């Protein structure tokens, strides 16, 4: 079972073709095939992260994504932040998050604080 780092697009395409077969016929956990599948996934992920990095979302997008994934509403955000107008201003990019808001969102909704402290632009009229 020799798996090496992926260095070229051709090697990447080959790895994708090989890993696809494991999705069609899932290997038994703990088997050599399962180990190969896991290693292929790791080298594919490393190649993709290096060649096509995905920037983390800005704080407002992080909140919106979290709300969508957890089926929370802007009213839920308003209750958490203590004001409907404050929640609206955050979502519409009219107000920055305060450190207290970051702390509350991180503690109560488990959004990583590092996702909420990144600088972002406000929308100006």
PDB file of N, CA and C in Angstrom:
ATOM      1  N   UNK A   1       0.843  -1.167   0.000  1.00  0.00           N
ATOM      2  CA  UNK A   1       0.000   0.000   0.000  1.00  0.00           C
ATOM      3  C   UNK A   1       0.889   1.231   0.000  1.00  0.00           C
ATOM      4  N   UNK A   2       1.270   1.673  -1.168  1.00  0.00           N
ATOM      5  CA  UNK A   2       2.115   2.855  -1.249  1.00  0.00           C
ATOM      6  C   UNK A   2       1.273   4.044  -1.691  1.00  0.00           C
ATOM      7  N   UNK A   3       1.139   5.002  -0.794  1.00  0.00           N
ATOM      8  CA  UNK A   3       0.453   6.249  -1.110  1.00  0.00           C
ATOM      9  C   UNK A   3       1.444   7.367  -0.867  1.00  0.00           C
ATOM     10  N   UNK A   4       1.609   8.200  -1.892  1.00  0.00           N
ATOM     11  CA  UNK A   4       2.562   9.299  -1.807  1.00  0.00           C
ATOM     12  C   UNK A   4       1.818  10.627  -1.895  1.00  0.00           C
ATOM     13  N   UNK A   5       2.480  11.696  -1.504  1.00  0.00           N
ATOM     14  CA  UNK A   5       1.849  13.010  -1.657  1.00  0.00           C
ATOM     15  C   UNK A   5       1.490  13.264  -3.121  1.00  0.00           C
ATOM     16  N   UNK A   6       0.401  13.979  -3.334  1.00  0.00           N
ATOM     17  CA  UNK A   6      -0.030  14.350  -4.688  1.00  0.00           C
ATOM     18  C   UNK A   6       0.677  15.639  -5.061  1.00  0.00           C
ATOM     19  N   UNK A   7       1.339  15.620  -6.217  1.00  0.00           N
ATOM     20  CA  UNK A   7       2.110  16.790  -6.639  1.00  0.00           C
ATOM     21  C   UNK A   7       1.622  17.403  -7.953  1.00  0.00           C
ATOM     22  N   UNK A   8       0.861  16.644  -8.725  1.00  0.00           N
ATOM     23  CA  UNK A   8       0.423  17.137 -10.025  1.00  0.00           C
ATOM     24  C   UNK A   8      -1.079  16.925 -10.198  1.00  0.00           C
ATOM     25  N   UNK A   9      -1.634  17.611 -11.199  1.00  0.00           N
ATOM     26  CA  UNK A   9      -3.056  17.440 -11.514  1.00  0.00           C
ATOM     27  C   UNK A   9      -3.338  16.002 -11.958  1.00  0.00           C
ATOM     28  N   UNK A  10      -2.414  15.405 -12.676  1.00  0.00           N
ATOM     29  CA  UNK A  10      -2.600  14.026 -13.134  1.00  0.00           C
ATOM     30  C   UNK A  10      -2.679  13.079 -11.941  1.00  0.00           C
ATOM     31  N   UNK A  11      -1.775  13.253 -10.975  1.00  0.00           N
ATOM     32  CA  UNK A  11      -1.819  12.424  -9.769  1.00  0.00           C
ATOM     33  C   UNK A  11      -3.105  12.677  -8.987  1.00  0.00           C
ATOM     34  N   UNK A  12      -3.553  13.904  -8.962  1.00  0.00           N
ATOM     35  CA  UNK A  12      -4.799  14.258  -8.281  1.00  0.00           C
ATOM     36  C   UNK A  12      -5.984  13.559  -8.943  1.00  0.00           C
ATOM     37  N   UNK A  13      -6.048  13.625 -10.276  1.00  0.00           N
ATOM     38  CA  UNK A  13      -7.136  12.969 -11.005  1.00  0.00           C
ATOM     39  C   UNK A  13      -7.133  11.466 -10.769  1.00  0.00           C
ATOM     40  N   UNK A  14      -5.959  10.871 -10.743  1.00  0.00           N
ATOM     41  CA  UNK A  14      -5.842   9.437 -10.488  1.00  0.00           C
ATOM     42  C   UNK A  14      -6.337   9.089  -9.093  1.00  0.00           C
ATOM     43  N   UNK A  15      -5.967   9.911  -8.116  1.00  0.00           N
ATOM     44  CA  UNK A  15      -6.403   9.668  -6.736  1.00  0.00           C
ATOM     45  C   UNK A  15      -7.918   9.805  -6.619  1.00  0.00           C
ATOM     46  N   UNK A  16      -8.493  10.779  -7.311  1.00  0.00           N
ATOM     47  CA  UNK A  16      -9.951  10.945  -7.274  1.00  0.00           C
ATOM     48  C   UNK A  16     -10.664   9.743  -7.867  1.00  0.00           C
ATOM     49  N   UNK A  17     -10.131   9.221  -8.962  1.00  0.00           N
ATOM     50  CA  UNK A  17     -10.734   8.033  -9.575  1.00  0.00           C
ATOM     51  C   UNK A  17     -10.653   6.845  -8.631  1.00  0.00           C
ATOM     52  N   UNK A  18      -9.519   6.701  -7.963  1.00  0.00           N
ATOM     53  CA  UNK A  18      -9.365   5.567  -7.054  1.00  0.00           C
ATOM     54  C   UNK A  18     -10.292   5.699  -5.849  1.00  0.00           C
ATOM     55  N   UNK A  19     -10.373   6.879  -5.278  1.00  0.00           N
ATOM     56  CA  UNK A  19     -11.204   7.032  -4.074  1.00  0.00           C
ATOM     57  C   UNK A  19     -12.692   6.889  -4.408  1.00  0.00           C
ATOM     58  N   UNK A  20     -13.083   7.225  -5.625  1.00  0.00           N
ATOM     59  CA  UNK A  20     -14.488   7.097  -6.031  1.00  0.00           C
ATOM     60  C   UNK A  20     -14.970   5.660  -5.894  1.00  0.00           C
ATOM     61  N   UNK A  21     -14.106   4.713  -6.180  1.00  0.00           N
ATOM     62  CA  UNK A  21     -14.506   3.309  -6.082  1.00  0.00           C
ATOM     63  C   UNK A  21     -14.862   2.924  -4.647  1.00  0.00           C
ATOM     64  N   UNK A  22     -14.244   3.576  -3.680  1.00  0.00           N
ATOM     65  CA  UNK A  22     -14.548   3.282  -2.274  1.00  0.00           C
ATOM     66  C   UNK A  22     -15.916   3.822  -1.868  1.00  0.00           C
ATOM     67  N   UNK A  23     -16.363   4.873  -2.525  1.00  0.00           N
ATOM     68  CA  UNK A  23     -17.695   5.393  -2.231  1.00  0.00           C
ATOM     69  C   UNK A  23     -18.772   4.459  -2.784  1.00  0.00           C
ATOM     70  N   UNK A  24     -18.456   3.804  -3.890  1.00  0.00           N
ATOM     71  CA  UNK A  24     -19.402   2.866  -4.499  1.00  0.00           C
ATOM     72  C   UNK A  24     -19.446   1.546  -3.738  1.00  0.00           C
ATOM     73  N   UNK A  25     -18.310   1.141  -3.174  1.00  0.00           N
ATOM     74  CA  UNK A  25     -18.215  -0.130  -2.463  1.00  0.00           C
ATOM     75  C   UNK A  25     -17.437   0.130  -1.174  1.00  0.00           C
ATOM     76  N   UNK A  26     -18.167   0.551  -0.132  1.00  0.00           N
ATOM     77  CA  UNK A  26     -17.540   0.996   1.114  1.00  0.00           C
ATOM     78  C   UNK A  26     -16.733  -0.131   1.769  1.00  0.00           C
ATOM     79  N   UNK A  27     -15.473   0.160   2.118  1.00  0.00           N
ATOM     80  CA  UNK A  27     -14.642  -0.875   2.738  1.00  0.00           C
ATOM     81  C   UNK A  27     -15.048  -1.161   4.180  1.00  0.00           C
ATOM     82  N   UNK A  28     -14.739  -2.335   4.629  1.00  0.00           N
ATOM     83  CA  UNK A  28     -15.008  -2.754   6.011  1.00  0.00           C
ATOM     84  C   UNK A  28     -14.087  -1.976   6.951  1.00  0.00           C
ATOM     85  N   UNK A  29     -14.655  -1.326   7.989  1.00  0.00           N
ATOM     86  CA  UNK A  29     -13.809  -0.575   8.933  1.00  0.00           C
ATOM     87  C   UNK A  29     -12.684  -1.453   9.491  1.00  0.00           C
ATOM     88  N   UNK A  30     -11.492  -0.870   9.546  1.00  0.00           N
ATOM     89  CA  UNK A  30     -10.326  -1.583  10.070  1.00  0.00           C
ATOM     90  C   UNK A  30      -9.602  -2.441   9.047  1.00  0.00           C
ATOM     91  N   UNK A  31     -10.166  -2.546   7.850  1.00  0.00           N
ATOM     92  CA  UNK A  31      -9.536  -3.360   6.804  1.00  0.00           C
ATOM     93  C   UNK A  31      -8.435  -2.559   6.114  1.00  0.00           C
ATOM     94  N   UNK A  32      -7.540  -3.253   5.399  1.00  0.00           N
ATOM     95  CA  UNK A  32      -6.516  -2.536   4.632  1.00  0.00           C
ATOM     96  C   UNK A  32      -7.139  -1.563   3.612  1.00  0.00           C
ATOM     97  N   UNK A  33      -8.287  -1.933   3.051  1.00  0.00           N
ATOM     98  CA  UNK A  33      -8.963  -1.050   2.090  1.00  0.00           C
ATOM     99  C   UNK A  33      -9.451   0.225   2.782  1.00  0.00           C
ATOM    100  N   UNK A  34      -9.959   0.073   4.004  1.00  0.00           N
ATOM    101  CA  UNK A  34     -10.416   1.243   4.758  1.00  0.00           C
ATOM    102  C   UNK A  34      -9.236   2.154   5.089  1.00  0.00           C
ATOM    103  N   UNK A  35      -8.106   1.555   5.430  1.00  0.00           N
ATOM    104  CA  UNK A  35      -6.899   2.346   5.698  1.00  0.00           C
ATOM    105  C   UNK A  35      -6.463   3.100   4.439  1.00  0.00           C
ATOM    106  N   UNK A  36      -6.502   2.417   3.295  1.00  0.00           N
ATOM    107  CA  UNK A  36      -6.116   3.050   2.036  1.00  0.00           C
ATOM    108  C   UNK A  36      -7.067   4.205   1.715  1.00  0.00           C
ATOM    109  N   UNK A  37      -8.360   3.974   1.908  1.00  0.00           N
ATOM    110  CA  UNK A  37      -9.364   5.008   1.682  1.00  0.00           C
ATOM    111  C   UNK A  37      -9.059   6.244   2.533  1.00  0.00           C
ATOM    112  N   UNK A  38      -8.770   6.027   3.816  1.00  0.00           N
ATOM    113  CA  UNK A  38      -8.488   7.146   4.721  1.00  0.00           C
ATOM    114  C   UNK A  38      -7.234   7.903   4.300  1.00  0.00           C
ATOM    115  N   UNK A  39      -6.199   7.177   3.913  1.00  0.00           N
ATOM    116  CA  UNK A  39      -4.964   7.831   3.479  1.00  0.00           C
ATOM    117  C   UNK A  39      -5.165   8.608   2.177  1.00  0.00           C
ATOM    118  N   UNK A  40      -5.916   8.027   1.249  1.00  0.00           N
ATOM    119  CA  UNK A  40      -6.218   8.746   0.007  1.00  0.00           C
ATOM    120  C   UNK A  40      -6.971  10.042   0.300  1.00  0.00           C
ATOM    121  N   UNK A  41      -7.941   9.959   1.194  1.00  0.00           N
ATOM    122  CA  UNK A  41      -8.703  11.154   1.558  1.00  0.00           C
ATOM    123  C   UNK A  41      -7.780  12.223   2.133  1.00  0.00           C
ATOM    124  N   UNK A  42      -6.810  11.819   2.934  1.00  0.00           N
ATOM    125  CA  UNK A  42      -5.882  12.783   3.534  1.00  0.00           C
ATOM    126  C   UNK A  42      -5.005  13.465   2.492  1.00  0.00           C
ATOM    127  N   UNK A  43      -4.443  12.687   1.551  1.00  0.00           N
ATOM    128  CA  UNK A  43      -3.566  13.312   0.554  1.00  0.00           C
ATOM    129  C   UNK A  43      -4.370  14.157  -0.429  1.00  0.00           C
ATOM    130  N   UNK A  44      -5.595  13.743  -0.728  1.00  0.00           N
ATOM    131  CA  UNK A  44      -6.454  14.553  -1.601  1.00  0.00           C
ATOM    132  C   UNK A  44      -6.787  15.869  -0.910  1.00  0.00           C
ATOM    133  N   UNK A  45      -7.159  15.795   0.363  1.00  0.00           N
ATOM    134  CA  UNK A  45      -7.469  17.009   1.120  1.00  0.00           C
ATOM    135  C   UNK A  45      -6.267  17.947   1.195  1.00  0.00           C
ATOM    136  N   UNK A  46      -5.085  17.392   1.422  1.00  0.00           N
ATOM    137  CA  UNK A  46      -3.874  18.215   1.496  1.00  0.00           C
ATOM    138  C   UNK A  46      -3.611  18.921   0.164  1.00  0.00           C
ATOM    139  N   UNK A  47      -3.781  18.211  -0.933  1.00  0.00           N
ATOM    140  CA  UNK A  47      -3.571  18.803  -2.256  1.00  0.00           C
ATOM    141  C   UNK A  47      -4.590  19.914  -2.514  1.00  0.00           C
ATOM    142  N   UNK A  48      -5.864  19.629  -2.215  1.00  0.00           N
ATOM    143  CA  UNK A  48      -6.899  20.631  -2.447  1.00  0.00           C
ATOM    144  C   UNK A  48      -6.698  21.860  -1.569  1.00  0.00           C
ATOM    145  N   UNK A  49      -6.312  21.646  -0.318  1.00  0.00           N
ATOM    146  CA  UNK A  49      -6.089  22.774   0.591  1.00  0.00           C
ATOM    147  C   UNK A  49      -4.950  23.663   0.119  1.00  0.00           C
ATOM    148  N   UNK A  50      -3.946  23.049  -0.469  1.00  0.00           N
ATOM    149  CA  UNK A  50      -2.797  23.814  -0.953  1.00  0.00           C
ATOM    150  C   UNK A  50      -3.114  24.554  -2.254  1.00  0.00           C
ATOM    151  N   UNK A  51      -3.825  23.885  -3.158  1.00  0.00           N
ATOM    152  CA  UNK A  51      -4.038  24.460  -4.487  1.00  0.00           C
ATOM    153  C   UNK A  51      -5.338  25.237  -4.633  1.00  0.00           C
ATOM    154  N   UNK A  52      -6.326  24.945  -3.798  1.00  0.00           N
ATOM    155  CA  UNK A  52      -7.602  25.649  -3.873  1.00  0.00           C
ATOM    156  C   UNK A  52      -8.086  25.954  -2.459  1.00  0.00           C
ATOM    157  N   UNK A  53      -7.336  26.780  -1.738  1.00  0.00           N
ATOM    158  CA  UNK A  53      -7.749  27.074  -0.358  1.00  0.00           C
ATOM    159  C   UNK A  53      -9.086  27.816  -0.336  1.00  0.00           C
ATOM    160  N   UNK A  54      -9.850  27.534   0.689  1.00  0.00           N
ATOM    161  CA  UNK A  54     -11.133  28.202   0.876  1.00  0.00           C
ATOM    162  C   UNK A  54     -10.985  29.119   2.073  1.00  0.00           C
ATOM    163  N   UNK A  55     -11.135  30.411   1.820  1.00  0.00           N
ATOM    164  CA  UNK A  55     -11.042  31.372   2.916  1.00  0.00           C
ATOM    165  C   UNK A  55     -12.225  31.186   3.853  1.00  0.00           C
ATOM    166  N   UNK A  56     -11.973  31.301   5.134  1.00  0.00           N
ATOM    167  CA  UNK A  56     -13.099  31.199   6.069  1.00  0.00           C
ATOM    168  C   UNK A  56     -14.043  32.380   5.852  1.00  0.00           C
ATOM    169  N   UNK A  57     -15.304  32.189   6.172  1.00  0.00           N
ATOM    170  CA  UNK A  57     -16.253  33.290   5.973  1.00  0.00           C
ATOM    171  C   UNK A  57     -15.974  34.435   6.932  1.00  0.00           C
ATOM    172  N   UNK A  58     -16.424  35.640   6.545  1.00  0.00           N
ATOM    173  CA  UNK A  58     -16.297  36.757   7.474  1.00  0.00           C
ATOM    174  C   UNK A  58     -17.318  36.543   8.604  1.00  0.00           C
ATOM    175  N   UNK A  59     -17.246  37.323   9.676  1.00  0.00           N
ATOM    176  CA  UNK A  59     -18.116  37.089  10.829  1.00  0.00           C
ATOM    177  C   UNK A  59     -19.612  37.072  10.515  1.00  0.00           C
ATOM    178  N   UNK A  60     -20.082  37.983   9.669  1.00  0.00           N
ATOM    179  CA  UNK A  60     -21.507  38.017   9.354  1.00  0.00           C
ATOM    180  C   UNK A  60     -21.906  36.750   8.606  1.00  0.00           C
ATOM    181  N   UNK A  61     -21.090  36.340   7.647  1.00  0.00           N
ATOM    182  CA  UNK A  61     -21.381  35.106   6.919  1.00  0.00           C
ATOM    183  C   UNK A  61     -21.312  33.899   7.850  1.00  0.00           C
ATOM    184  N   UNK A  62     -20.380  33.894   8.793  1.00  0.00           N
ATOM    185  CA  UNK A  62     -20.289  32.793   9.753  1.00  0.00           C
ATOM    186  C   UNK A  62     -21.578  32.686  10.565  1.00  0.00           C
ATOM    187  N   UNK A  63     -22.118  33.823  10.964  1.00  0.00           N
ATOM    188  CA  UNK A  63     -23.379  33.825  11.715  1.00  0.00           C
ATOM    189  C   UNK A  63     -24.513  33.318  10.830  1.00  0.00           C
ATOM    190  N   UNK A  64     -24.598  33.814   9.601  1.00  0.00           N
ATOM    191  CA  UNK A  64     -25.660  33.393   8.684  1.00  0.00           C
ATOM    192  C   UNK A  64     -25.584  31.899   8.390  1.00  0.00           C
ATOM    193  N   UNK A  65     -24.384  31.398   8.160  1.00  0.00           N
ATOM    194  CA  UNK A  65     -24.201  29.971   7.897  1.00  0.00           C
ATOM    195  C   UNK A  65     -24.651  29.155   9.105  1.00  0.00           C
ATOM    196  N   UNK A  66     -24.228  29.588  10.281  1.00  0.00           N
ATOM    197  CA  UNK A  66     -24.623  28.879  11.502  1.00  0.00           C
ATOM    198  C   UNK A  66     -26.140  28.899  11.671  1.00  0.00           C
ATOM    199  N   UNK A  67     -26.755  30.041  11.438  1.00  0.00           N
ATOM    200  CA  UNK A  67     -28.206  30.149  11.576  1.00  0.00           C
ATOM    201  C   UNK A  67     -28.910  29.203  10.600  1.00  0.00           C
ATOM    202  N   UNK A  68     -28.417  29.149   9.372  1.00  0.00           N
ATOM    203  CA  UNK A  68     -29.025  28.266   8.378  1.00  0.00           C
ATOM    204  C   UNK A  68     -28.863  26.799   8.778  1.00  0.00           C
ATOM    205  N   UNK A  69     -27.669  26.427   9.211  1.00  0.00           N
ATOM    206  CA  UNK A  69     -27.401  25.035   9.568  1.00  0.00           C
ATOM    207  C   UNK A  69     -28.160  24.580  10.810  1.00  0.00           C
ATOM    208  N   UNK A  70     -28.442  25.494  11.704  1.00  0.00           N
ATOM    209  CA  UNK A  70     -29.126  25.135  12.954  1.00  0.00           C
ATOM    210  C   UNK A  70     -30.585  25.579  12.961  1.00  0.00           C
ATOM    211  N   UNK A  71     -31.053  26.056  11.805  1.00  0.00           N
ATOM    212  CA  UNK A  71     -32.439  26.500  11.638  1.00  0.00           C
ATOM    213  C   UNK A  71     -32.824  27.575  12.652  1.00  0.00           C
ATOM    214  N   UNK A  72     -31.871  28.453  12.914  1.00  0.00           N
ATOM    215  CA  UNK A  72     -32.160  29.607  13.775  1.00  0.00           C
ATOM    216  C   UNK A  72     -32.582  30.776  12.898  1.00  0.00           C
ATOM    217  N   UNK A  73     -33.305  31.695  13.495  1.00  0.00           N
ATOM    218  CA  UNK A  73     -33.822  32.846  12.761  1.00  0.00           C
ATOM    219  C   UNK A  73     -33.189  34.127  13.275  1.00  0.00           C
ATOM    220  N   UNK A  74     -33.489  35.208  12.571  1.00  0.00           N
ATOM    221  CA  UNK A  74     -33.001  36.503  13.027  1.00  0.00           C
ATOM    222  C   UNK A  74     -33.635  36.850  14.377  1.00  0.00           C
ATOM    223  N   UNK A  75     -34.850  36.363  14.612  1.00  0.00           N
ATOM    224  CA  UNK A  75     -35.487  36.578  15.920  1.00  0.00           C
ATOM    225  C   UNK A  75     -34.694  35.869  17.024  1.00  0.00           C
ATOM    226  N   UNK A  76     -34.149  34.699  16.723  1.00  0.00           N
ATOM    227  CA  UNK A  76     -33.302  33.994  17.697  1.00  0.00           C
ATOM    228  C   UNK A  76     -32.045  34.812  17.988  1.00  0.00           C
ATOM    229  N   UNK A  77     -31.471  35.376  16.926  1.00  0.00           N
ATOM    230  CA  UNK A  77     -30.281  36.218  17.099  1.00  0.00           C
ATOM    231  C   UNK A  77     -30.633  37.450  17.936  1.00  0.00           C
ATOM    232  N   UNK A  78     -31.790  38.015  17.679  1.00  0.00           N
ATOM    233  CA  UNK A  78     -32.226  39.200  18.444  1.00  0.00           C
ATOM    234  C   UNK A  78     -32.365  38.863  19.927  1.00  0.00           C
ATOM    235  N   UNK A  79     -32.958  37.712  20.231  1.00  0.00           N
ATOM    236  CA  UNK A  79     -33.085  37.311  21.638  1.00  0.00           C
ATOM    237  C   UNK A  79     -31.711  37.129  22.271  1.00  0.00           C
ATOM    238  N   UNK A  80     -30.784  36.556  21.513  1.00  0.00           N
ATOM    239  CA  UNK A  80     -29.441  36.319  22.036  1.00  0.00           C
ATOM    240  C   UNK A  80     -28.702  37.634  22.289  1.00  0.00           C
ATOM    241  N   UNK A  81     -28.825  38.565  21.360  1.00  0.00           N
ATOM    242  CA  UNK A  81     -28.104  39.839  21.467  1.00  0.00           C
ATOM    243  C   UNK A  81     -28.879  40.900  22.253  1.00  0.00           C
ATOM    244  N   UNK A  82     -30.157  40.630  22.536  1.00  0.00           N
ATOM    245  CA  UNK A  82     -30.931  41.534  23.368  1.00  0.00           C
ATOM    246  C   UNK A  82     -31.700  42.608  22.646  1.00  0.00           C
ATOM    247  N   UNK A  83     -31.689  42.595  21.309  1.00  0.00           N
ATOM    248  CA  UNK A  83     -32.381  43.656  20.578  1.00  0.00           C
ATOM    249  C   UNK A  83     -32.587  43.238  19.120  1.00  0.00           C
ATOM    250  N   UNK A  84     -33.809  43.419  18.630  1.00  0.00           N
ATOM    251  CA  UNK A  84     -34.104  43.121  17.227  1.00  0.00           C
ATOM    252  C   UNK A  84     -33.363  44.067  16.300  1.00  0.00           C
ATOM    253  N   UNK A  85     -33.283  45.330  16.688  1.00  0.00           N
ATOM    254  CA  UNK A  85     -32.594  46.291  15.817  1.00  0.00           C
ATOM    255  C   UNK A  85     -31.095  45.989  15.749  1.00  0.00           C
ATOM    256  N   UNK A  86     -30.527  45.588  16.880  1.00  0.00           N
ATOM    257  CA  UNK A  86     -29.095  45.250  16.896  1.00  0.00           C
ATOM    258  C   UNK A  86     -28.833  44.039  15.997  1.00  0.00           C
ATOM    259  N   UNK A  87     -29.662  43.022  16.091  1.00  0.00           N
ATOM    260  CA  UNK A  87     -29.498  41.828  15.253  1.00  0.00           C
ATOM    261  C   UNK A  87     -29.620  42.196  13.777  1.00  0.00           C
ATOM    262  N   UNK A  88     -30.601  43.029  13.460  1.00  0.00           N
ATOM    263  CA  UNK A  88     -30.794  43.465  12.080  1.00  0.00           C
ATOM    264  C   UNK A  88     -29.584  44.239  11.573  1.00  0.00           C
ATOM    265  N   UNK A  89     -29.071  45.128  12.383  1.00  0.00           N
ATOM    266  CA  UNK A  89     -27.894  45.921  11.987  1.00  0.00           C
ATOM    267  C   UNK A  89     -26.683  45.032  11.754  1.00  0.00           C
ATOM    268  N   UNK A  90     -26.512  43.997  12.557  1.00  0.00           N
ATOM    269  CA  UNK A  90     -25.385  43.073  12.368  1.00  0.00           C
ATOM    270  C   UNK A  90     -25.560  42.336  11.042  1.00  0.00           C
ATOM    271  N   UNK A  91     -26.732  41.737  10.828  1.00  0.00           N
ATOM    272  CA  UNK A  91     -26.984  40.948   9.621  1.00  0.00           C
ATOM    273  C   UNK A  91     -26.900  41.811   8.362  1.00  0.00           C
ATOM    274  N   UNK A  92     -27.327  43.063   8.439  1.00  0.00           N
ATOM    275  CA  UNK A  92     -27.280  43.971   7.280  1.00  0.00           C
ATOM    276  C   UNK A  92     -25.936  44.698   7.155  1.00  0.00           C
ATOM    277  N   UNK A  93     -24.998  44.373   8.034  1.00  0.00           N
ATOM    278  CA  UNK A  93     -23.654  44.966   8.003  1.00  0.00           C
ATOM    279  C   UNK A  93     -23.677  46.473   8.248  1.00  0.00           C
ATOM    280  N   UNK A  94     -24.540  46.897   9.145  1.00  0.00           N
ATOM    281  CA  UNK A  94     -24.606  48.311   9.511  1.00  0.00           C
ATOM    282  C   UNK A  94     -23.894  48.560  10.836  1.00  0.00           C
ATOM    283  N   UNK A  95     -23.563  47.488  11.557  1.00  0.00           N
ATOM    284  CA  UNK A  95     -22.912  47.592  12.861  1.00  0.00           C
ATOM    285  C   UNK A  95     -21.927  46.435  13.005  1.00  0.00           C
ATOM    286  N   UNK A  96     -20.775  46.742  13.610  1.00  0.00           N
ATOM    287  CA  UNK A  96     -19.804  45.678  13.909  1.00  0.00           C
ATOM    288  C   UNK A  96     -20.219  44.919  15.163  1.00  0.00           C
ATOM    289  N   UNK A  97     -19.772  43.689  15.229  1.00  0.00           N
ATOM    290  CA  UNK A  97     -19.941  42.919  16.462  1.00  0.00           C
ATOM    291  C   UNK A  97     -19.073  43.519  17.556  1.00  0.00           C
ATOM    292  N   UNK A  98     -19.590  43.564  18.756  1.00  0.00           N
ATOM    293  CA  UNK A  98     -18.777  43.979  19.896  1.00  0.00           C
ATOM    294  C   UNK A  98     -18.123  42.736  20.492  1.00  0.00           C
ATOM    295  N   UNK A  99     -17.157  42.937  21.344  1.00  0.00           N
ATOM    296  CA  UNK A  99     -16.500  41.804  21.984  1.00  0.00           C
ATOM    297  C   UNK A  99     -17.504  41.012  22.821  1.00  0.00           C
ATOM    298  N   UNK A 100     -18.465  41.706  23.430  1.00  0.00           N
ATOM    299  CA  UNK A 100     -19.505  41.024  24.209  1.00  0.00           C
ATOM    300  C   UNK A 100     -20.369  40.148  23.306  1.00  0.00           C
ATOM    301  N   UNK A 101     -20.696  40.640  22.112  1.00  0.00           N
ATOM    302  CA  UNK A 101     -21.482  39.854  21.161  1.00  0.00           C
ATOM    303  C   UNK A 101     -20.699  38.620  20.701  1.00  0.00           C
ATOM    304  N   UNK A 102     -19.426  38.810  20.421  1.00  0.00           N
ATOM    305  CA  UNK A 102     -18.568  37.693  20.015  1.00  0.00           C
ATOM    306  C   UNK A 102     -18.553  36.643  21.108  1.00  0.00           C
ATOM    307  N   UNK A 103     -18.359  37.074  22.321  1.00  0.00           N
ATOM    308  CA  UNK A 103     -18.296  36.156  23.447  1.00  0.00           C
ATOM    309  C   UNK A 103     -19.625  35.411  23.600  1.00  0.00           C
ATOM    310  N   UNK A 104     -20.735  36.123  23.495  1.00  0.00           N
ATOM    311  CA  UNK A 104     -22.059  35.512  23.633  1.00  0.00           C
ATOM    312  C   UNK A 104     -22.321  34.504  22.517  1.00  0.00           C
ATOM    313  N   UNK A 105     -22.052  34.883  21.275  1.00  0.00           N
ATOM    314  CA  UNK A 105     -22.263  33.976  20.146  1.00  0.00           C
ATOM    315  C   UNK A 105     -21.390  32.730  20.268  1.00  0.00           C
ATOM    316  N   UNK A 106     -20.177  32.917  20.710  1.00  0.00           N
ATOM    317  CA  UNK A 106     -19.276  31.785  20.873  1.00  0.00           C
ATOM    318  C   UNK A 106     -19.749  30.855  21.990  1.00  0.00           C
ATOM    319  N   UNK A 107     -20.118  31.432  23.112  1.00  0.00           N
ATOM    320  CA  UNK A 107     -20.532  30.636  24.268  1.00  0.00           C
ATOM    321  C   UNK A 107     -21.892  29.960  24.052  1.00  0.00           C
ATOM    322  N   UNK A 108     -22.849  30.714  23.543  1.00  0.00           N
ATOM    323  CA  UNK A 108     -24.221  30.200  23.450  1.00  0.00           C
ATOM    324  C   UNK A 108     -24.486  29.383  22.181  1.00  0.00           C
ATOM    325  N   UNK A 109     -23.936  29.828  21.062  1.00  0.00           N
ATOM    326  CA  UNK A 109     -24.200  29.137  19.807  1.00  0.00           C
ATOM    327  C   UNK A 109     -23.004  28.309  19.341  1.00  0.00           C
ATOM    328  N   UNK A 110     -21.938  28.348  20.079  1.00  0.00           N
ATOM    329  CA  UNK A 110     -20.735  27.550  19.787  1.00  0.00           C
ATOM    330  C   UNK A 110     -20.122  27.879  18.419  1.00  0.00           C
ATOM    331  N   UNK A 111     -20.221  29.146  18.037  1.00  0.00           N
ATOM    332  CA  UNK A 111     -19.512  29.617  16.839  1.00  0.00           C
ATOM    333  C   UNK A 111     -18.106  29.957  17.309  1.00  0.00           C
ATOM    334  N   UNK A 112     -17.066  29.402  16.694  1.00  0.00           N
ATOM    335  CA  UNK A 112     -15.709  29.697  17.156  1.00  0.00           C
ATOM    336  C   UNK A 112     -15.426  31.201  17.157  1.00  0.00           C
ATOM    337  N   UNK A 113     -14.883  31.676  18.259  1.00  0.00           N
ATOM    338  CA  UNK A 113     -14.587  33.107  18.391  1.00  0.00           C
ATOM    339  C   UNK A 113     -13.684  33.592  17.266  1.00  0.00           C
ATOM    340  N   UNK A 114     -12.736  32.749  16.835  1.00  0.00           N
ATOM    341  CA  UNK A 114     -11.832  33.174  15.759  1.00  0.00           C
ATOM    342  C   UNK A 114     -12.576  33.433  14.462  1.00  0.00           C
ATOM    343  N   UNK A 115     -13.765  32.849  14.289  1.00  0.00           N
ATOM    344  CA  UNK A 115     -14.583  33.129  13.107  1.00  0.00           C
ATOM    345  C   UNK A 115     -15.307  34.459  13.217  1.00  0.00           C
ATOM    346  N   UNK A 116     -15.423  34.961  14.430  1.00  0.00           N
ATOM    347  CA  UNK A 116     -16.213  36.175  14.659  1.00  0.00           C
ATOM    348  C   UNK A 116     -15.377  37.439  14.816  1.00  0.00           C
ATOM    349  N   UNK A 117     -14.065  37.300  14.987  1.00  0.00           N
ATOM    350  CA  UNK A 117     -13.245  38.482  15.254  1.00  0.00           C
ATOM    351  C   UNK A 117     -12.516  39.019  14.028  1.00  0.00           C
ATOM    352  N   UNK A 118     -12.650  38.337  12.910  1.00  0.00           N
ATOM    353  CA  UNK A 118     -11.996  38.786  11.683  1.00  0.00           C
ATOM    354  C   UNK A 118     -12.577  40.146  11.261  1.00  0.00           C
ATOM    355  N   UNK A 119     -11.745  41.103  10.889  1.00  0.00           N
ATOM    356  CA  UNK A 119     -12.254  42.403  10.450  1.00  0.00           C
ATOM    357  C   UNK A 119     -13.140  42.245   9.203  1.00  0.00           C
ATOM    358  N   UNK A 120     -14.159  43.074   9.128  1.00  0.00           N
ATOM    359  CA  UNK A 120     -15.044  43.054   7.955  1.00  0.00           C
ATOM    360  C   UNK A 120     -15.581  44.469   7.727  1.00  0.00           C
ATOM    361  N   UNK A 121     -15.958  44.694   6.481  1.00  0.00           N
ATOM    362  CA  UNK A 121     -16.458  46.010   6.069  1.00  0.00           C
ATOM    363  C   UNK A 121     -17.934  46.141   6.398  1.00  0.00           C
ATOM    364  N   UNK A 122     -18.327  47.343   6.777  1.00  0.00           N
ATOM    365  CA  UNK A 122     -19.737  47.664   6.949  1.00  0.00           C
ATOM    366  C   UNK A 122     -20.264  48.192   5.621  1.00  0.00           C
ATOM    367  N   UNK A 123     -21.571  48.000   5.387  1.00  0.00           N
ATOM    368  CA  UNK A 123     -22.217  48.606   4.226  1.00  0.00           C
ATOM    369  C   UNK A 123     -22.595  50.019   4.583  1.00  0.00           C
ATOM    370  N   UNK A 124     -22.116  50.940   3.813  1.00  0.00           N
ATOM    371  CA  UNK A 124     -22.415  52.359   4.051  1.00  0.00           C
ATOM    372  C   UNK A 124     -23.413  52.829   2.996  1.00  0.00           C
ATOM    373  N   UNK A 125     -24.338  53.698   3.397  1.00  0.00           N
ATOM    374  CA  UNK A 125     -25.317  54.213   2.415  1.00  0.00           C
ATOM    375  C   UNK A 125     -24.692  55.057   1.348  1.00  0.00           C
TER     376      UNK A 125
END
